[in-house]
Amino acid sequence: MKDIFLRMEELESDLGKVHADFGDLKLKIKELLEENQRLRIENQQLRKVLKRETDTVAVSQEAAEEPAAAKGDVPLAPNTGVGEGYDNLARLYHEGFHICNVYYGHLRMEGDCLFCLSFLSK
């Protein structure tokens, strides 16, 4: 009789461990699903950016192939690029990516980031 009760206590203990393991697995699966969804959204955003950049480069190359005389313009000094970096960062931020040093390059999931906004206001 005593052996039966000991065996039942062992089984109960084992069931508790299995239940805890299932809980841990559920949490891990939830984290993986959330990360997968975040990465899908980020991938879509990056594909849009890549398509837009590719289209912009193609248009720029076509414009560069036209001779200056055909455009009727006098060639100007090359673009110095002042402010280009800021414009690119602002564009990335508005496309939904972090530009702050804390989360740089990660997709913004919840509204505005105070770090990014602080960086843009400098």
Protein backbone atom coordinates (compact mmCIF):
# COMPACT_ATOMS: atom_id res chain seq x y z
CA MET A 1 0.00 0.00 0.00
CA LYS A 2 2.83 2.36 0.89
CA ASP A 3 4.50 1.67 -2.49
CA ILE A 4 1.36 2.73 -4.34
CA PHE A 5 1.29 6.10 -2.58
CA LEU A 6 5.00 6.66 -3.23
CA ARG A 7 4.51 5.79 -6.89
CA MET A 8 1.54 8.19 -7.14
CA GLU A 9 3.59 11.00 -5.58
CA GLU A 10 6.38 10.35 -8.11
CA LEU A 11 3.90 10.43 -10.98
CA GLU A 12 2.37 13.64 -9.66
CA SER A 13 5.82 15.21 -9.43
CA ASP A 14 6.65 14.05 -12.98
CA LEU A 15 3.35 15.49 -14.25
CA GLY A 16 4.20 18.82 -12.63
CA LYS A 17 7.54 18.87 -14.42
CA VAL A 18 5.92 18.01 -17.76
CA HIS A 19 3.35 20.75 -17.23
CA ALA A 20 6.11 23.28 -16.47
CA ASP A 21 8.01 22.15 -19.59
CA PHE A 22 4.88 22.65 -21.71
CA GLY A 23 4.48 26.15 -20.27
CA ASP A 24 8.09 26.98 -21.16
CA LEU A 25 7.62 25.61 -24.68
CA LYS A 26 4.44 27.68 -25.14
CA LEU A 27 6.29 30.85 -24.14
CA LYS A 28 9.17 30.07 -26.49
CA ILE A 29 6.79 29.39 -29.40
CA LYS A 30 4.99 32.68 -28.70
CA GLU A 31 8.31 34.58 -28.72
CA LEU A 32 9.33 32.90 -31.98
CA LEU A 33 6.00 33.69 -33.65
CA GLU A 34 6.22 37.34 -32.57
CA GLU A 35 9.80 37.60 -33.84
CA ASN A 36 8.81 35.95 -37.11
CA GLN A 37 6.00 38.46 -37.62
CA ARG A 38 8.31 41.38 -36.79
CA LEU A 39 10.88 40.10 -39.27
CA ARG A 40 8.23 39.69 -41.98
CA ILE A 41 7.13 43.30 -41.53
CA GLU A 42 10.74 44.50 -41.53
CA ASN A 43 11.44 42.45 -44.65
CA GLN A 44 8.45 44.03 -46.43
CA GLN A 45 9.66 47.51 -45.47
CA LEU A 46 13.18 46.75 -46.68
CA ARG A 47 11.85 45.40 -49.99
CA LYS A 48 9.90 48.63 -50.50
CA VAL A 49 13.00 50.70 -49.74
CA LEU A 50 15.13 48.56 -52.07
CA LYS A 51 12.59 48.86 -54.88
CA ARG A 52 12.39 52.63 -54.47
CA GLU A 53 16.20 52.95 -54.34
CA THR A 54 16.58 50.72 -57.42
CA ASP A 55 14.01 52.79 -59.30
CA THR A 56 15.78 56.01 -58.25
CA VAL A 57 19.16 54.71 -59.41
CA ALA A 58 17.70 53.67 -62.78
CA VAL A 59 16.20 57.13 -63.29
CA SER A 60 19.48 58.77 -62.25
CA GLN A 61 21.45 56.66 -64.71
CA GLU A 62 19.09 57.56 -67.55
CA ALA A 63 19.43 61.24 -66.71
CA ALA A 64 23.22 60.96 -66.53
CA GLU A 65 23.37 59.39 -69.99
CA GLU A 66 21.76 62.47 -71.59
CA PRO A 67 24.39 64.94 -72.79
CA ALA A 68 24.44 68.31 -71.00
CA ALA A 69 23.82 70.17 -74.27
CA ALA A 70 20.66 68.17 -74.89
CA LYS A 71 19.33 69.22 -71.49
CA GLY A 72 20.06 72.84 -72.25
CA ASP A 73 21.82 73.18 -68.89
CA VAL A 74 25.26 74.37 -68.04
CA PRO A 75 27.01 71.77 -65.90
CA LEU A 76 27.11 72.83 -62.26
CA ALA A 77 29.60 72.04 -59.55
CA PRO A 78 29.13 68.54 -58.16
CA ASN A 79 26.72 68.16 -55.24
CA THR A 80 28.58 68.61 -51.98
CA GLY A 81 26.21 66.28 -50.12
CA VAL A 82 25.60 68.70 -47.26
CA GLY A 83 22.48 67.55 -45.43
CA GLU A 84 22.15 64.35 -47.46
CA GLY A 85 22.96 62.17 -44.47
CA TYR A 86 20.36 63.91 -42.33
CA ASP A 87 17.78 63.58 -45.11
CA ASN A 88 18.51 59.87 -45.46
CA LEU A 89 18.14 59.31 -41.71
CA ALA A 90 14.90 61.29 -41.61
CA ARG A 91 13.58 59.24 -44.55
CA LEU A 92 14.53 55.98 -42.81
CA TYR A 93 12.79 57.14 -39.64
CA HIS A 94 9.62 58.02 -41.53
CA GLU A 95 9.72 54.61 -43.24
CA GLY A 96 9.47 53.03 -39.81
CA PHE A 97 13.06 52.29 -38.79
CA HIS A 98 15.02 53.41 -35.73
CA ILE A 99 17.89 55.83 -36.35
CA CYS A 100 18.96 56.23 -32.72
CA ASN A 101 22.09 54.59 -31.37
CA VAL A 102 19.99 52.42 -29.05
CA TYR A 103 17.94 50.52 -31.68
CA TYR A 104 19.51 51.62 -34.97
CA GLY A 105 18.11 49.75 -37.97
CA HIS A 106 15.36 47.94 -36.08
CA LEU A 107 11.76 48.31 -37.17
CA ARG A 108 9.76 50.74 -34.98
CA MET A 109 6.79 48.73 -33.76
CA GLU A 110 5.11 51.23 -31.45
CA GLY A 111 4.83 54.84 -32.55
CA ASP A 112 7.59 57.40 -32.24
CA CYS A 113 10.90 56.81 -30.49
CA LEU A 114 12.05 59.61 -28.19
CA PHE A 115 15.71 58.77 -28.84
CA CYS A 116 15.22 59.03 -32.61
CA LEU A 117 13.23 62.25 -32.33
CA SER A 118 15.88 63.74 -30.07
CA PHE A 119 18.54 62.80 -32.64
CA LEU A 120 16.52 64.37 -35.49
CA SER A 121 16.00 67.60 -33.57
CA LYS A 122 19.75 68.19 -33.14
